PDB file of all heavy atoms in Angstrom:
ATOM      1  N   ALA A   1     166.286-110.231  -9.461  1.00  0.00           N
ATOM      2  CA  ALA A   1     167.367-109.356  -9.006  1.00  0.00           C
ATOM      3  C   ALA A   1     167.697-109.637  -7.543  1.00  0.00           C
ATOM      4  O   ALA A   1     168.870-109.720  -7.161  1.00  0.00           O
ATOM      5  CB  ALA A   1     166.979-107.897  -9.199  1.00  0.00           C
ATOM      6  N   TRP A   2     166.682-109.816  -6.707  1.00  0.00           N
ATOM      7  CA  TRP A   2     166.901-110.105  -5.297  1.00  0.00           C
ATOM      8  C   TRP A   2     167.644-111.426  -5.129  1.00  0.00           C
ATOM      9  O   TRP A   2     168.572-111.522  -4.331  1.00  0.00           O
ATOM     10  CB  TRP A   2     165.565-110.147  -4.552  1.00  0.00           C
ATOM     11  CG  TRP A   2     165.752-110.403  -3.085  1.00  0.00           C
ATOM     12  CD1 TRP A   2     166.044-109.498  -2.119  1.00  0.00           C
ATOM     13  CD2 TRP A   2     165.688-111.670  -2.438  1.00  0.00           C
ATOM     14  NE1 TRP A   2     166.171-110.120  -0.913  1.00  0.00           N
ATOM     15  CE2 TRP A   2     165.955-111.464  -1.073  1.00  0.00           C
ATOM     16  CE3 TRP A   2     165.434-112.968  -2.879  1.00  0.00           C
ATOM     17  CZ2 TRP A   2     165.975-112.497  -0.160  1.00  0.00           C
ATOM     18  CZ3 TRP A   2     165.456-113.995  -1.957  1.00  0.00           C
ATOM     19  CH2 TRP A   2     165.714-113.754  -0.613  1.00  0.00           C
ATOM     20  N   LEU A   3     167.236-112.448  -5.865  1.00  0.00           N
ATOM     21  CA  LEU A   3     167.903-113.742  -5.770  1.00  0.00           C
ATOM     22  C   LEU A   3     169.349-113.660  -6.225  1.00  0.00           C
ATOM     23  O   LEU A   3     170.227-114.306  -5.652  1.00  0.00           O
ATOM     24  CB  LEU A   3     167.147-114.796  -6.586  1.00  0.00           C
ATOM     25  CG  LEU A   3     165.809-115.231  -6.019  1.00  0.00           C
ATOM     26  CD1 LEU A   3     165.089-116.143  -7.007  1.00  0.00           C
ATOM     27  CD2 LEU A   3     165.979-115.908  -4.677  1.00  0.00           C
ATOM     28  N   SER A   4     169.610-112.868  -7.238  1.00  0.00           N
ATOM     29  CA  SER A   4     170.982-112.694  -7.706  1.00  0.00           C
ATOM     30  C   SER A   4     171.844-112.054  -6.634  1.00  0.00           C
ATOM     31  O   SER A   4     172.970-112.476  -6.391  1.00  0.00           O
ATOM     32  CB  SER A   4     171.015-111.830  -8.972  1.00  0.00           C
ATOM     33  OG  SER A   4     170.362-112.474 -10.026  1.00  0.00           O
ATOM     34  N   ILE A   5     171.309-111.052  -5.977  1.00  0.00           N
ATOM     35  CA  ILE A   5     172.054-110.379  -4.915  1.00  0.00           C
ATOM     36  C   ILE A   5     172.237-111.313  -3.729  1.00  0.00           C
ATOM     37  O   ILE A   5     173.317-111.407  -3.157  1.00  0.00           O
ATOM     38  CB  ILE A   5     171.336-109.085  -4.487  1.00  0.00           C
ATOM     39  CG1 ILE A   5     171.382-108.079  -5.632  1.00  0.00           C
ATOM     40  CG2 ILE A   5     171.948-108.509  -3.231  1.00  0.00           C
ATOM     41  CD1 ILE A   5     170.452-106.899  -5.451  1.00  0.00           C
ATOM     42  N   ALA A   6     171.187-112.025  -3.361  1.00  0.00           N
ATOM     43  CA  ALA A   6     171.265-112.944  -2.221  1.00  0.00           C
ATOM     44  C   ALA A   6     172.259-114.057  -2.483  1.00  0.00           C
ATOM     45  O   ALA A   6     173.028-114.431  -1.603  1.00  0.00           O
ATOM     46  CB  ALA A   6     169.883-113.526  -1.918  1.00  0.00           C
ATOM     47  N   SER A   7     172.280-114.589  -3.705  1.00  0.00           N
ATOM     48  CA  SER A   7     173.204-115.675  -3.999  1.00  0.00           C
ATOM     49  C   SER A   7     174.644-115.190  -3.976  1.00  0.00           C
ATOM     50  O   SER A   7     175.553-115.943  -3.644  1.00  0.00           O
ATOM     51  CB  SER A   7     172.878-116.323  -5.349  1.00  0.00           C
ATOM     52  OG  SER A   7     173.098-115.417  -6.400  1.00  0.00           O
ATOM     53  N   ALA A   8     174.882-113.918  -4.294  1.00  0.00           N
ATOM     54  CA  ALA A   8     176.239-113.379  -4.258  1.00  0.00           C
ATOM     55  C   ALA A   8     176.775-113.357  -2.834  1.00  0.00           C
ATOM     56  O   ALA A   8     177.980-113.493  -2.620  1.00  0.00           O
ATOM     57  CB  ALA A   8     176.263-111.979  -4.862  1.00  0.00           C
ATOM     58  N   ALA A   9     175.892-113.196  -1.868  1.00  0.00           N
ATOM     59  CA  ALA A   9     176.336-113.182  -0.477  1.00  0.00           C
ATOM     60  C   ALA A   9     176.889-114.528  -0.053  1.00  0.00           C
ATOM     61  O   ALA A   9     177.755-114.604   0.815  1.00  0.00           O
ATOM     62  CB  ALA A   9     175.162-112.791   0.427  1.00  0.00           C
ATOM     63  N   TRP A  10     176.408-115.597  -0.660  1.00  0.00           N
ATOM     64  CA  TRP A  10     176.885-116.929  -0.319  1.00  0.00           C
ATOM     65  C   TRP A  10     178.036-117.388  -1.203  1.00  0.00           C
ATOM     66  O   TRP A  10     178.734-118.320  -0.882  1.00  0.00           O
ATOM     67  CB  TRP A  10     175.754-117.940  -0.429  1.00  0.00           C
ATOM     68  CG  TRP A  10     174.648-117.664   0.537  1.00  0.00           C
ATOM     69  CD1 TRP A  10     174.748-117.433   1.862  1.00  0.00           C
ATOM     70  CD2 TRP A  10     173.261-117.576   0.229  1.00  0.00           C
ATOM     71  NE1 TRP A  10     173.514-117.195   2.407  1.00  0.00           N
ATOM     72  CE2 TRP A  10     172.581-117.290   1.426  1.00  0.00           C
ATOM     73  CE3 TRP A  10     172.524-117.719  -0.938  1.00  0.00           C
ATOM     74  CZ2 TRP A  10     171.206-117.139   1.488  1.00  0.00           C
ATOM     75  CZ3 TRP A  10     171.157-117.568  -0.868  1.00  0.00           C
ATOM     76  CH2 TRP A  10     170.511-117.285   0.337  1.00  0.00           C
ATOM     77  N   ALA A  11     178.200-116.758  -2.329  1.00  0.00           N
ATOM     78  CA  ALA A  11     179.215-117.190  -3.295  1.00  0.00           C
ATOM     79  C   ALA A  11     180.598-116.774  -2.831  1.00  0.00           C
ATOM     80  O   ALA A  11     180.766-115.800  -2.118  1.00  0.00           O
ATOM     81  CB  ALA A  11     178.919-116.588  -4.660  1.00  0.00           C
ATOM     82  N   GLY A  12     181.605-117.533  -3.291  1.00  0.00           N
ATOM     83  CA  GLY A  12     182.979-117.231  -2.943  1.00  0.00           C
ATOM     84  C   GLY A  12     183.651-116.358  -3.981  1.00  0.00           C
ATOM     85  O   GLY A  12     184.845-116.147  -3.919  1.00  0.00           O
ATOM     86  N   ASP A  13     182.920-115.852  -4.916  1.00  0.00           N
ATOM     87  CA  ASP A  13     183.503-114.981  -5.931  1.00  0.00           C
ATOM     88  C   ASP A  13     182.752-113.658  -5.946  1.00  0.00           C
ATOM     89  O   ASP A  13     181.773-113.487  -5.244  1.00  0.00           O
ATOM     90  CB  ASP A  13     183.474-115.641  -7.315  1.00  0.00           C
ATOM     91  CG  ASP A  13     182.070-115.998  -7.751  1.00  0.00           C
ATOM     92  OD1 ASP A  13     181.208-115.095  -7.770  1.00  0.00           O
ATOM     93  OD2 ASP A  13     181.828-117.162  -8.076  1.00  0.00           O
ATOM     94  N   SER A  14     183.225-112.743  -6.725  1.00  0.00           N
ATOM     95  CA  SER A  14     182.539-111.450  -6.824  1.00  0.00           C
ATOM     96  C   SER A  14     182.007-111.295  -8.238  1.00  0.00           C
ATOM     97  O   SER A  14     182.698-110.813  -9.116  1.00  0.00           O
ATOM     98  CB  SER A  14     183.484-110.312  -6.466  1.00  0.00           C
ATOM     99  OG  SER A  14     184.623-110.341  -7.284  1.00  0.00           O
ATOM    100  N   SER A  15     180.804-111.747  -8.441  1.00  0.00           N
ATOM    101  CA  SER A  15     180.174-111.688  -9.758  1.00  0.00           C
ATOM    102  C   SER A  15     179.641-110.299 -10.033  1.00  0.00           C
ATOM    103  O   SER A  15     179.167-109.616  -9.145  1.00  0.00           O
ATOM    104  CB  SER A  15     178.990-112.656  -9.833  1.00  0.00           C
ATOM    105  OG  SER A  15     179.423-113.966  -9.712  1.00  0.00           O
ATOM    106  N   GLU A  16     179.705-109.935 -11.287  1.00  0.00           N
ATOM    107  CA  GLU A  16     179.029-108.736 -11.747  1.00  0.00           C
ATOM    108  C   GLU A  16     177.850-109.212 -12.572  1.00  0.00           C
ATOM    109  O   GLU A  16     177.976-110.155 -13.350  1.00  0.00           O
ATOM    110  CB  GLU A  16     179.971-107.884 -12.599  1.00  0.00           C
ATOM    111  CG  GLU A  16     179.358-106.571 -12.993  1.00  0.00           C
ATOM    112  CD  GLU A  16     180.356-105.638 -13.656  1.00  0.00           C
ATOM    113  OE1 GLU A  16     181.558-105.822 -13.478  1.00  0.00           O
ATOM    114  OE2 GLU A  16     179.887-104.736 -14.371  1.00  0.00           O
ATOM    115  N   ARG A  17     176.702-108.600 -12.371  1.00  0.00           N
ATOM    116  CA  ARG A  17     175.501-109.006 -13.094  1.00  0.00           C
ATOM    117  C   ARG A  17     174.972-107.843 -13.905  1.00  0.00           C
ATOM    118  O   ARG A  17     175.006-106.707 -13.445  1.00  0.00           O
ATOM    119  CB  ARG A  17     174.429-109.477 -12.117  1.00  0.00           C
ATOM    120  CG  ARG A  17     174.786-110.787 -11.483  1.00  0.00           C
ATOM    121  CD  ARG A  17     173.916-111.085 -10.274  1.00  0.00           C
ATOM    122  NE  ARG A  17     174.470-112.169  -9.519  1.00  0.00           N
ATOM    123  CZ  ARG A  17     175.452-112.063  -8.648  1.00  0.00           C
ATOM    124  NH1 ARG A  17     176.014-110.910  -8.437  1.00  0.00           N
ATOM    125  NH2 ARG A  17     175.892-113.100  -7.988  1.00  0.00           N
ATOM    126  N   ARG A  18     174.485-108.166 -15.083  1.00  0.00           N
ATOM    127  CA  ARG A  18     173.885-107.144 -15.944  1.00  0.00           C
ATOM    128  C   ARG A  18     172.621-107.708 -16.575  1.00  0.00           C
ATOM    129  O   ARG A  18     172.605-108.844 -17.039  1.00  0.00           O
ATOM    130  CB  ARG A  18     174.841-106.733 -17.048  1.00  0.00           C
ATOM    131  CG  ARG A  18     176.038-105.998 -16.521  1.00  0.00           C
ATOM    132  CD  ARG A  18     176.757-105.243 -17.595  1.00  0.00           C
ATOM    133  NE  ARG A  18     177.895-104.578 -16.993  1.00  0.00           N
ATOM    134  CZ  ARG A  18     179.085-104.526 -17.534  1.00  0.00           C
ATOM    135  NH1 ARG A  18     179.298-105.080 -18.705  1.00  0.00           N
ATOM    136  NH2 ARG A  18     180.058-103.905 -16.934  1.00  0.00           N
ATOM    137  N   ILE A  19     171.592-106.903 -16.589  1.00  0.00           N
ATOM    138  CA  ILE A  19     170.357-107.300 -17.250  1.00  0.00           C
ATOM    139  C   ILE A  19     170.498-106.996 -18.730  1.00  0.00           C
ATOM    140  O   ILE A  19     170.830-105.875 -19.116  1.00  0.00           O
ATOM    141  CB  ILE A  19     169.151-106.560 -16.649  1.00  0.00           C
ATOM    142  CG1 ILE A  19     168.936-107.024 -15.211  1.00  0.00           C
ATOM    143  CG2 ILE A  19     167.904-106.774 -17.493  1.00  0.00           C
ATOM    144  CD1 ILE A  19     167.851-106.306 -14.470  1.00  0.00           C
ATOM    145  N   ILE A  20     170.258-107.994 -19.554  1.00  0.00           N
ATOM    146  CA  ILE A  20     170.270-107.806 -21.003  1.00  0.00           C
ATOM    147  C   ILE A  20     168.916-107.260 -21.420  1.00  0.00           C
ATOM    148  O   ILE A  20     168.821-106.342 -22.216  1.00  0.00           O
ATOM    149  CB  ILE A  20     170.614-109.124 -21.725  1.00  0.00           C
ATOM    150  CG1 ILE A  20     172.038-109.558 -21.330  1.00  0.00           C
ATOM    151  CG2 ILE A  20     170.458-108.973 -23.226  1.00  0.00           C
ATOM    152  CD1 ILE A  20     172.405-110.961 -21.749  1.00  0.00           C
ATOM    153  N   GLY A  21     167.837-107.823 -20.863  1.00  0.00           N
ATOM    154  CA  GLY A  21     166.503-107.281 -21.087  1.00  0.00           C
ATOM    155  C   GLY A  21     165.526-108.280 -21.666  1.00  0.00           C
ATOM    156  O   GLY A  21     165.800-109.473 -21.756  1.00  0.00           O
ATOM    157  N   PHE A  22     164.368-107.762 -22.043  1.00  0.00           N
ATOM    158  CA  PHE A  22     163.290-108.561 -22.619  1.00  0.00           C
ATOM    159  C   PHE A  22     163.389-108.567 -24.135  1.00  0.00           C
ATOM    160  O   PHE A  22     163.856-107.601 -24.741  1.00  0.00           O
ATOM    161  CB  PHE A  22     161.924-107.992 -22.224  1.00  0.00           C
ATOM    162  CG  PHE A  22     161.547-108.242 -20.796  1.00  0.00           C
ATOM    163  CD1 PHE A  22     161.802-107.292 -19.822  1.00  0.00           C
ATOM    164  CD2 PHE A  22     160.957-109.438 -20.426  1.00  0.00           C
ATOM    165  CE1 PHE A  22     161.463-107.517 -18.505  1.00  0.00           C
ATOM    166  CE2 PHE A  22     160.616-109.676 -19.109  1.00  0.00           C
ATOM    167  CZ  PHE A  22     160.875-108.719 -18.143  1.00  0.00           C
ATOM    168  N   SER A  23     162.899-109.636 -24.740  1.00  0.00           N
ATOM    169  CA  SER A  23     162.770-109.679 -26.194  1.00  0.00           C
ATOM    170  C   SER A  23     161.673-108.694 -26.594  1.00  0.00           C
ATOM    171  O   SER A  23     160.841-108.309 -25.763  1.00  0.00           O
ATOM    172  CB  SER A  23     162.412-111.097 -26.648  1.00  0.00           C
ATOM    173  OG  SER A  23     161.149-111.476 -26.132  1.00  0.00           O
ATOM    174  N   PRO A  24     161.652-108.263 -27.861  1.00  0.00           N
ATOM    175  CA  PRO A  24     160.622-107.303 -28.296  1.00  0.00           C
ATOM    176  C   PRO A  24     159.193-107.762 -28.022  1.00  0.00           C
ATOM    177  O   PRO A  24     158.318-106.944 -27.729  1.00  0.00           O
ATOM    178  CB  PRO A  24     160.874-107.161 -29.797  1.00  0.00           C
ATOM    179  CG  PRO A  24     162.328-107.459 -29.961  1.00  0.00           C
ATOM    180  CD  PRO A  24     162.615-108.540 -28.934  1.00  0.00           C
ATOM    181  N   ASP A  25     158.946-109.078 -28.085  1.00  0.00           N
ATOM    182  CA  ASP A  25     157.587-109.574 -27.834  1.00  0.00           C
ATOM    183  C   ASP A  25     157.319-109.868 -26.355  1.00  0.00           C
ATOM    184  O   ASP A  25     156.226-110.266 -25.984  1.00  0.00           O
ATOM    185  CB  ASP A  25     157.293-110.808 -28.680  1.00  0.00           C
ATOM    186  CG  ASP A  25     158.215-111.981 -28.374  1.00  0.00           C
ATOM    187  OD1 ASP A  25     159.026-111.904 -27.416  1.00  0.00           O
ATOM    188  OD2 ASP A  25     158.144-112.984 -29.109  1.00  0.00           O
ATOM    189  N   GLY A  26     158.325-109.679 -25.493  1.00  0.00           N
ATOM    190  CA  GLY A  26     158.152-109.870 -24.057  1.00  0.00           C
ATOM    191  C   GLY A  26     158.117-111.311 -23.601  1.00  0.00           C
ATOM    192  O   GLY A  26     157.836-111.594 -22.446  1.00  0.00           O
ATOM    193  N   LYS A  27     158.440-112.255 -24.477  1.00  0.00           N
ATOM    194  CA  LYS A  27     158.372-113.671 -24.122  1.00  0.00           C
ATOM    195  C   LYS A  27     159.663-114.206 -23.516  1.00  0.00           C
ATOM    196  O   LYS A  27     159.673-115.300 -22.952  1.00  0.00           O
ATOM    197  CB  LYS A  27     158.014-114.502 -25.354  1.00  0.00           C
ATOM    198  CG  LYS A  27     156.615-114.223 -25.863  1.00  0.00           C
ATOM    199  CD  LYS A  27     156.292-115.067 -27.072  1.00  0.00           C
ATOM    200  CE  LYS A  27     154.892-114.777 -27.566  1.00  0.00           C
ATOM    201  NZ  LYS A  27     154.560-115.580 -28.747  1.00  0.00           N
ATOM    202  N   TRP A  28     160.750-113.465 -23.633  1.00  0.00           N
ATOM    203  CA  TRP A  28     162.053-113.926 -23.155  1.00  0.00           C
ATOM    204  C   TRP A  28     162.710-112.827 -22.322  1.00  0.00           C
ATOM    205  O   TRP A  28     162.549-111.648 -22.614  1.00  0.00           O
ATOM    206  CB  TRP A  28     162.970-114.261 -24.328  1.00  0.00           C
ATOM    207  CG  TRP A  28     162.361-115.218 -25.282  1.00  0.00           C
ATOM    208  CD1 TRP A  28     161.663-114.915 -26.422  1.00  0.00           C
ATOM    209  CD2 TRP A  28     162.346-116.637 -25.194  1.00  0.00           C
ATOM    210  NE1 TRP A  28     161.233-116.057 -27.040  1.00  0.00           N
ATOM    211  CE2 TRP A  28     161.640-117.131 -26.311  1.00  0.00           C
ATOM    212  CE3 TRP A  28     162.875-117.550 -24.292  1.00  0.00           C
ATOM    213  CZ2 TRP A  28     161.451-118.489 -26.526  1.00  0.00           C
ATOM    214  CZ3 TRP A  28     162.687-118.893 -24.510  1.00  0.00           C
ATOM    215  CH2 TRP A  28     161.981-119.361 -25.604  1.00  0.00           C
TER     216      TRP A  28
END
């Protein structure tokens, strides 16, 4: 999450980010 926010500061666009989440087994 921190890297996503930090990279937005350098980007020339305004990205929206959403967490989809973990798989039921926690591997993804």
